[in-house]
Amino acid sequence: MRLEIDWTRCDGHGLCARLLPERIGLDDAGFPVLGDRTVDTDDLAHARRAVSACPRLALRLEQAPSPATR
């Protein structure tokens, strides 16, 4: 899974960064900055909590693209 932000929805409340600081930081204006977007199994519950807490539904989890099969 990986984290994605819909910038047309994000208002910079910062809840995501408080709930998932190991993956999400905040810029000077308070908007999220994603580090590694990939969410490991160990962090999945925390990531889901951050997604659920977003008041504008701007943060989401998506299936990470699988490598192309040759």
PDB file of N, CA and C in Angstrom:
ATOM      1  N   MET A   1       0.848  -1.173   0.000  1.00  0.00           N
ATOM      2  CA  MET A   1       0.000   0.000   0.000  1.00  0.00           C
ATOM      3  C   MET A   1       0.899   1.244   0.000  1.00  0.00           C
ATOM      4  N   ARG A   2       0.334   2.332  -0.494  1.00  0.00           N
ATOM      5  CA  ARG A   2       1.086   3.585  -0.446  1.00  0.00           C
ATOM      6  C   ARG A   2       0.126   4.752  -0.187  1.00  0.00           C
ATOM      7  N   LEU A   3       0.660   5.800   0.402  1.00  0.00           N
ATOM      8  CA  LEU A   3      -0.114   6.991   0.737  1.00  0.00           C
ATOM      9  C   LEU A   3      -0.159   7.949  -0.438  1.00  0.00           C
ATOM     10  N   GLU A   4      -1.302   8.572  -0.616  1.00  0.00           N
ATOM     11  CA  GLU A   4      -1.479   9.606  -1.631  1.00  0.00           C
ATOM     12  C   GLU A   4      -2.267  10.752  -1.011  1.00  0.00           C
ATOM     13  N   ILE A   5      -2.018  11.963  -1.483  1.00  0.00           N
ATOM     14  CA  ILE A   5      -2.736  13.148  -1.015  1.00  0.00           C
ATOM     15  C   ILE A   5      -3.440  13.793  -2.195  1.00  0.00           C
ATOM     16  N   ASP A   6      -4.708  14.115  -2.005  1.00  0.00           N
ATOM     17  CA  ASP A   6      -5.471  14.875  -2.993  1.00  0.00           C
ATOM     18  C   ASP A   6      -5.310  16.347  -2.624  1.00  0.00           C
ATOM     19  N   TRP A   7      -4.459  17.044  -3.355  1.00  0.00           N
ATOM     20  CA  TRP A   7      -4.135  18.438  -3.020  1.00  0.00           C
ATOM     21  C   TRP A   7      -5.304  19.383  -3.241  1.00  0.00           C
ATOM     22  N   THR A   8      -6.301  18.967  -3.998  1.00  0.00           N
ATOM     23  CA  THR A   8      -7.476  19.820  -4.177  1.00  0.00           C
ATOM     24  C   THR A   8      -8.370  19.794  -2.939  1.00  0.00           C
ATOM     25  N   ARG A   9      -8.162  18.830  -2.058  1.00  0.00           N
ATOM     26  CA  ARG A   9      -8.965  18.709  -0.839  1.00  0.00           C
ATOM     27  C   ARG A   9      -8.221  19.136   0.421  1.00  0.00           C
ATOM     28  N   CYS A  10      -6.908  18.993   0.454  1.00  0.00           N
ATOM     29  CA  CYS A  10      -6.133  19.212   1.675  1.00  0.00           C
ATOM     30  C   CYS A  10      -6.195  20.672   2.118  1.00  0.00           C
ATOM     31  N   ASP A  11      -6.549  20.881   3.397  1.00  0.00           N
ATOM     32  CA  ASP A  11      -6.569  22.218   3.997  1.00  0.00           C
ATOM     33  C   ASP A  11      -5.431  22.427   4.985  1.00  0.00           C
ATOM     34  N   GLY A  12      -4.558  21.453   5.148  1.00  0.00           N
ATOM     35  CA  GLY A  12      -3.397  21.603   6.017  1.00  0.00           C
ATOM     36  C   GLY A  12      -3.715  21.559   7.501  1.00  0.00           C
ATOM     37  N   HIS A  13      -4.660  20.727   7.909  1.00  0.00           N
ATOM     38  CA  HIS A  13      -4.983  20.593   9.333  1.00  0.00           C
ATOM     39  C   HIS A  13      -3.850  19.930  10.116  1.00  0.00           C
ATOM     40  N   GLY A  14      -3.081  19.056   9.479  1.00  0.00           N
ATOM     41  CA  GLY A  14      -1.927  18.434  10.116  1.00  0.00           C
ATOM     42  C   GLY A  14      -2.210  17.198  10.949  1.00  0.00           C
ATOM     43  N   LEU A  15      -3.445  16.736  10.972  1.00  0.00           N
ATOM     44  CA  LEU A  15      -3.763  15.539  11.757  1.00  0.00           C
ATOM     45  C   LEU A  15      -2.983  14.326  11.267  1.00  0.00           C
ATOM     46  N   CYS A  16      -2.818  14.210   9.968  1.00  0.00           N
ATOM     47  CA  CYS A  16      -2.109  13.063   9.400  1.00  0.00           C
ATOM     48  C   CYS A  16      -0.671  13.000   9.917  1.00  0.00           C
ATOM     49  N   ALA A  17      -0.015  14.149   9.996  1.00  0.00           N
ATOM     50  CA  ALA A  17       1.373  14.184  10.457  1.00  0.00           C
ATOM     51  C   ALA A  17       1.473  13.841  11.939  1.00  0.00           C
ATOM     52  N   ARG A  18       0.475  14.214  12.712  1.00  0.00           N
ATOM     53  CA  ARG A  18       0.486  13.873  14.139  1.00  0.00           C
ATOM     54  C   ARG A  18       0.262  12.381  14.357  1.00  0.00           C
ATOM     55  N   LEU A  19      -0.532  11.771  13.495  1.00  0.00           N
ATOM     56  CA  LEU A  19      -0.841  10.352  13.650  1.00  0.00           C
ATOM     57  C   LEU A  19       0.164   9.431  12.961  1.00  0.00           C
ATOM     58  N   LEU A  20       0.895   9.943  11.996  1.00  0.00           N
ATOM     59  CA  LEU A  20       1.845   9.124  11.241  1.00  0.00           C
ATOM     60  C   LEU A  20       3.141   9.910  10.984  1.00  0.00           C
ATOM     61  N   PRO A  21       3.811  10.346  12.053  1.00  0.00           N
ATOM     62  CA  PRO A  21       4.991  11.207  11.886  1.00  0.00           C
ATOM     63  C   PRO A  21       6.168  10.531  11.190  1.00  0.00           C
ATOM     64  N   GLU A  22       6.206   9.201  11.211  1.00  0.00           N
ATOM     65  CA  GLU A  22       7.313   8.503  10.546  1.00  0.00           C
ATOM     66  C   GLU A  22       7.188   8.525   9.030  1.00  0.00           C
ATOM     67  N   ARG A  23       6.030   8.891   8.503  1.00  0.00           N
ATOM     68  CA  ARG A  23       5.814   8.954   7.054  1.00  0.00           C
ATOM     69  C   ARG A  23       5.447  10.348   6.556  1.00  0.00           C
ATOM     70  N   ILE A  24       4.867  11.182   7.430  1.00  0.00           N
ATOM     71  CA  ILE A  24       4.343  12.477   6.994  1.00  0.00           C
ATOM     72  C   ILE A  24       4.903  13.590   7.868  1.00  0.00           C
ATOM     73  N   GLY A  25       5.501  14.571   7.216  1.00  0.00           N
ATOM     74  CA  GLY A  25       5.947  15.777   7.901  1.00  0.00           C
ATOM     75  C   GLY A  25       5.055  16.936   7.493  1.00  0.00           C
ATOM     76  N   LEU A  26       5.355  18.117   7.991  1.00  0.00           N
ATOM     77  CA  LEU A  26       4.606  19.316   7.614  1.00  0.00           C
ATOM     78  C   LEU A  26       5.564  20.364   7.076  1.00  0.00           C
ATOM     79  N   ASP A  27       5.131  21.088   6.043  1.00  0.00           N
ATOM     80  CA  ASP A  27       5.950  22.186   5.536  1.00  0.00           C
ATOM     81  C   ASP A  27       5.696  23.435   6.386  1.00  0.00           C
ATOM     82  N   ASP A  28       6.306  24.553   6.024  1.00  0.00           N
ATOM     83  CA  ASP A  28       6.189  25.786   6.804  1.00  0.00           C
ATOM     84  C   ASP A  28       4.762  26.311   6.880  1.00  0.00           C
ATOM     85  N   ALA A  29       3.937  25.969   5.905  1.00  0.00           N
ATOM     86  CA  ALA A  29       2.541  26.416   5.883  1.00  0.00           C
ATOM     87  C   ALA A  29       1.602  25.419   6.568  1.00  0.00           C
ATOM     88  N   GLY A  30       2.145  24.300   7.049  1.00  0.00           N
ATOM     89  CA  GLY A  30       1.331  23.306   7.738  1.00  0.00           C
ATOM     90  C   GLY A  30       0.740  22.230   6.852  1.00  0.00           C
ATOM     91  N   PHE A  31       1.171  22.194   5.591  1.00  0.00           N
ATOM     92  CA  PHE A  31       0.672  21.169   4.676  1.00  0.00           C
ATOM     93  C   PHE A  31       1.572  19.934   4.735  1.00  0.00           C
ATOM     94  N   PRO A  32       1.000  18.759   4.503  1.00  0.00           N
ATOM     95  CA  PRO A  32       1.771  17.527   4.618  1.00  0.00           C
ATOM     96  C   PRO A  32       2.844  17.381   3.543  1.00  0.00           C
ATOM     97  N   VAL A  33       3.934  16.782   3.967  1.00  0.00           N
ATOM     98  CA  VAL A  33       5.035  16.431   3.073  1.00  0.00           C
ATOM     99  C   VAL A  33       5.262  14.938   3.265  1.00  0.00           C
ATOM    100  N   LEU A  34       5.057  14.185   2.207  1.00  0.00           N
ATOM    101  CA  LEU A  34       5.232  12.738   2.297  1.00  0.00           C
ATOM    102  C   LEU A  34       6.685  12.370   2.082  1.00  0.00           C
ATOM    103  N   GLY A  35       7.206  11.558   2.983  1.00  0.00           N
ATOM    104  CA  GLY A  35       8.522  10.985   2.786  1.00  0.00           C
ATOM    105  C   GLY A  35       8.347   9.763   1.902  1.00  0.00           C
ATOM    106  N   ASP A  36       8.648   8.621   2.439  1.00  0.00           N
ATOM    107  CA  ASP A  36       8.430   7.363   1.725  1.00  0.00           C
ATOM    108  C   ASP A  36       6.933   7.085   1.713  1.00  0.00           C
ATOM    109  N   ARG A  37       6.337   7.047   0.543  1.00  0.00           N
ATOM    110  CA  ARG A  37       4.883   6.838   0.422  1.00  0.00           C
ATOM    111  C   ARG A  37       4.469   5.398   0.691  1.00  0.00           C
ATOM    112  N   THR A  38       5.413   4.481   0.602  1.00  0.00           N
ATOM    113  CA  THR A  38       5.107   3.072   0.799  1.00  0.00           C
ATOM    114  C   THR A  38       4.836   2.795   2.271  1.00  0.00           C
ATOM    115  N   VAL A  39       3.742   2.105   2.538  1.00  0.00           N
ATOM    116  CA  VAL A  39       3.362   1.770   3.910  1.00  0.00           C
ATOM    117  C   VAL A  39       3.580   0.279   4.124  1.00  0.00           C
ATOM    118  N   ASP A  40       4.442  -0.042   5.071  1.00  0.00           N
ATOM    119  CA  ASP A  40       4.710  -1.434   5.411  1.00  0.00           C
ATOM    120  C   ASP A  40       3.553  -2.000   6.228  1.00  0.00           C
ATOM    121  N   THR A  41       3.489  -3.295   6.309  1.00  0.00           N
ATOM    122  CA  THR A  41       2.449  -3.966   7.081  1.00  0.00           C
ATOM    123  C   THR A  41       2.448  -3.495   8.532  1.00  0.00           C
ATOM    124  N   ASP A  42       3.632  -3.248   9.090  1.00  0.00           N
ATOM    125  CA  ASP A  42       3.736  -2.809  10.484  1.00  0.00           C
ATOM    126  C   ASP A  42       3.083  -1.451  10.714  1.00  0.00           C
ATOM    127  N   ASP A  43       3.085  -0.587   9.708  1.00  0.00           N
ATOM    128  CA  ASP A  43       2.533   0.766   9.840  1.00  0.00           C
ATOM    129  C   ASP A  43       1.120   0.900   9.283  1.00  0.00           C
ATOM    130  N   LEU A  44       0.566  -0.170   8.767  1.00  0.00           N
ATOM    131  CA  LEU A  44      -0.721  -0.085   8.076  1.00  0.00           C
ATOM    132  C   LEU A  44      -1.856   0.394   8.987  1.00  0.00           C
ATOM    133  N   ALA A  45      -1.916  -0.081  10.210  1.00  0.00           N
ATOM    134  CA  ALA A  45      -2.978   0.348  11.132  1.00  0.00           C
ATOM    135  C   ALA A  45      -2.870   1.840  11.419  1.00  0.00           C
ATOM    136  N   HIS A  46      -1.643   2.344  11.615  1.00  0.00           N
ATOM    137  CA  HIS A  46      -1.437   3.777  11.858  1.00  0.00           C
ATOM    138  C   HIS A  46      -1.805   4.592  10.621  1.00  0.00           C
ATOM    139  N   ALA A  47      -1.458   4.080   9.461  1.00  0.00           N
ATOM    140  CA  ALA A  47      -1.786   4.783   8.217  1.00  0.00           C
ATOM    141  C   ALA A  47      -3.297   4.844   8.017  1.00  0.00           C
ATOM    142  N   ARG A  48      -3.980   3.763   8.299  1.00  0.00           N
ATOM    143  CA  ARG A  48      -5.449   3.759   8.170  1.00  0.00           C
ATOM    144  C   ARG A  48      -6.087   4.740   9.150  1.00  0.00           C
ATOM    145  N   ARG A  49      -5.531   4.841  10.342  1.00  0.00           N
ATOM    146  CA  ARG A  49      -6.037   5.794  11.329  1.00  0.00           C
ATOM    147  C   ARG A  49      -5.853   7.226  10.829  1.00  0.00           C
ATOM    148  N   ALA A  50      -4.706   7.516  10.239  1.00  0.00           N
ATOM    149  CA  ALA A  50      -4.452   8.854   9.698  1.00  0.00           C
ATOM    150  C   ALA A  50      -5.401   9.166   8.544  1.00  0.00           C
ATOM    151  N   VAL A  51      -5.631   8.196   7.681  1.00  0.00           N
ATOM    152  CA  VAL A  51      -6.567   8.379   6.561  1.00  0.00           C
ATOM    153  C   VAL A  51      -7.969   8.659   7.092  1.00  0.00           C
ATOM    154  N   SER A  52      -8.394   7.900   8.081  1.00  0.00           N
ATOM    155  CA  SER A  52      -9.737   8.074   8.654  1.00  0.00           C
ATOM    156  C   SER A  52      -9.899   9.408   9.366  1.00  0.00           C
ATOM    157  N   ALA A  53      -8.814   9.938   9.922  1.00  0.00           N
ATOM    158  CA  ALA A  53      -8.887  11.186  10.687  1.00  0.00           C
ATOM    159  C   ALA A  53      -8.899  12.427   9.810  1.00  0.00           C
ATOM    160  N   CYS A  54      -8.549  12.298   8.550  1.00  0.00           N
ATOM    161  CA  CYS A  54      -8.473  13.473   7.672  1.00  0.00           C
ATOM    162  C   CYS A  54      -9.865  14.089   7.501  1.00  0.00           C
ATOM    163  N   PRO A  55     -10.056  15.329   7.979  1.00  0.00           N
ATOM    164  CA  PRO A  55     -11.389  15.937   7.913  1.00  0.00           C
ATOM    165  C   PRO A  55     -11.851  16.260   6.494  1.00  0.00           C
ATOM    166  N   ARG A  56     -10.934  16.396   5.560  1.00  0.00           N
ATOM    167  CA  ARG A  56     -11.283  16.730   4.175  1.00  0.00           C
ATOM    168  C   ARG A  56     -11.165  15.534   3.236  1.00  0.00           C
ATOM    169  N   LEU A  57     -10.874  14.352   3.798  1.00  0.00           N
ATOM    170  CA  LEU A  57     -10.723  13.121   3.009  1.00  0.00           C
ATOM    171  C   LEU A  57      -9.670  13.275   1.910  1.00  0.00           C
ATOM    172  N   ALA A  58      -8.612  14.003   2.229  1.00  0.00           N
ATOM    173  CA  ALA A  58      -7.555  14.255   1.252  1.00  0.00           C
ATOM    174  C   ALA A  58      -6.492  13.161   1.241  1.00  0.00           C
ATOM    175  N   LEU A  59      -6.345  12.464   2.348  1.00  0.00           N
ATOM    176  CA  LEU A  59      -5.340  11.409   2.450  1.00  0.00           C
ATOM    177  C   LEU A  59      -6.003  10.070   2.156  1.00  0.00           C
ATOM    178  N   ARG A  60      -5.317   9.254   1.361  1.00  0.00           N
ATOM    179  CA  ARG A  60      -5.871   7.939   1.050  1.00  0.00           C
ATOM    180  C   ARG A  60      -4.740   6.916   0.914  1.00  0.00           C
ATOM    181  N   LEU A  61      -5.120   5.672   1.058  1.00  0.00           N
ATOM    182  CA  LEU A  61      -4.218   4.549   0.826  1.00  0.00           C
ATOM    183  C   LEU A  61      -4.596   3.918  -0.498  1.00  0.00           C
ATOM    184  N   GLU A  62      -3.604   3.655  -1.309  1.00  0.00           N
ATOM    185  CA  GLU A  62      -3.829   2.997  -2.594  1.00  0.00           C
ATOM    186  C   GLU A  62      -2.946   1.772  -2.682  1.00  0.00           C
ATOM    187  N   GLN A  63      -3.377   0.852  -3.490  1.00  0.00           N
ATOM    188  CA  GLN A  63      -2.564  -0.328  -3.754  1.00  0.00           C
ATOM    189  C   GLN A  63      -1.306   0.118  -4.487  1.00  0.00           C
ATOM    190  N   ALA A  64      -0.158  -0.274  -3.996  1.00  0.00           N
ATOM    191  CA  ALA A  64       1.098   0.063  -4.666  1.00  0.00           C
ATOM    192  C   ALA A  64       1.162  -0.677  -5.995  1.00  0.00           C
ATOM    193  N   PRO A  65       1.632  -0.001  -7.040  1.00  0.00           N
ATOM    194  CA  PRO A  65       1.729  -0.681  -8.332  1.00  0.00           C
ATOM    195  C   PRO A  65       2.731  -1.831  -8.258  1.00  0.00           C
ATOM    196  N   SER A  66       2.369  -2.931  -8.841  1.00  0.00           N
ATOM    197  CA  SER A  66       3.280  -4.072  -8.847  1.00  0.00           C
ATOM    198  C   SER A  66       4.240  -3.927 -10.018  1.00  0.00           C
ATOM    199  N   PRO A  67       5.453  -4.426  -9.848  1.00  0.00           N
ATOM    200  CA  PRO A  67       6.419  -4.351 -10.951  1.00  0.00           C
ATOM    201  C   PRO A  67       5.892  -5.102 -12.170  1.00  0.00           C
ATOM    202  N   ALA A  68       6.185  -4.579 -13.325  1.00  0.00           N
ATOM    203  CA  ALA A  68       5.733  -5.210 -14.573  1.00  0.00           C
ATOM    204  C   ALA A  68       6.378  -6.583 -14.717  1.00  0.00           C
ATOM    205  N   THR A  69       5.593  -7.515 -15.149  1.00  0.00           N
ATOM    206  CA  THR A  69       6.095  -8.868 -15.378  1.00  0.00           C
ATOM    207  C   THR A  69       6.677  -8.936 -16.781  1.00  0.00           C
ATOM    208  N   ARG A  70       7.863  -9.492 -16.884  1.00  0.00           N
ATOM    209  CA  ARG A  70       8.516  -9.596 -18.195  1.00  0.00           C
ATOM    210  C   ARG A  70       8.343 -10.952 -18.766  1.00  0.00           C
TER     211      ARG A  70
END
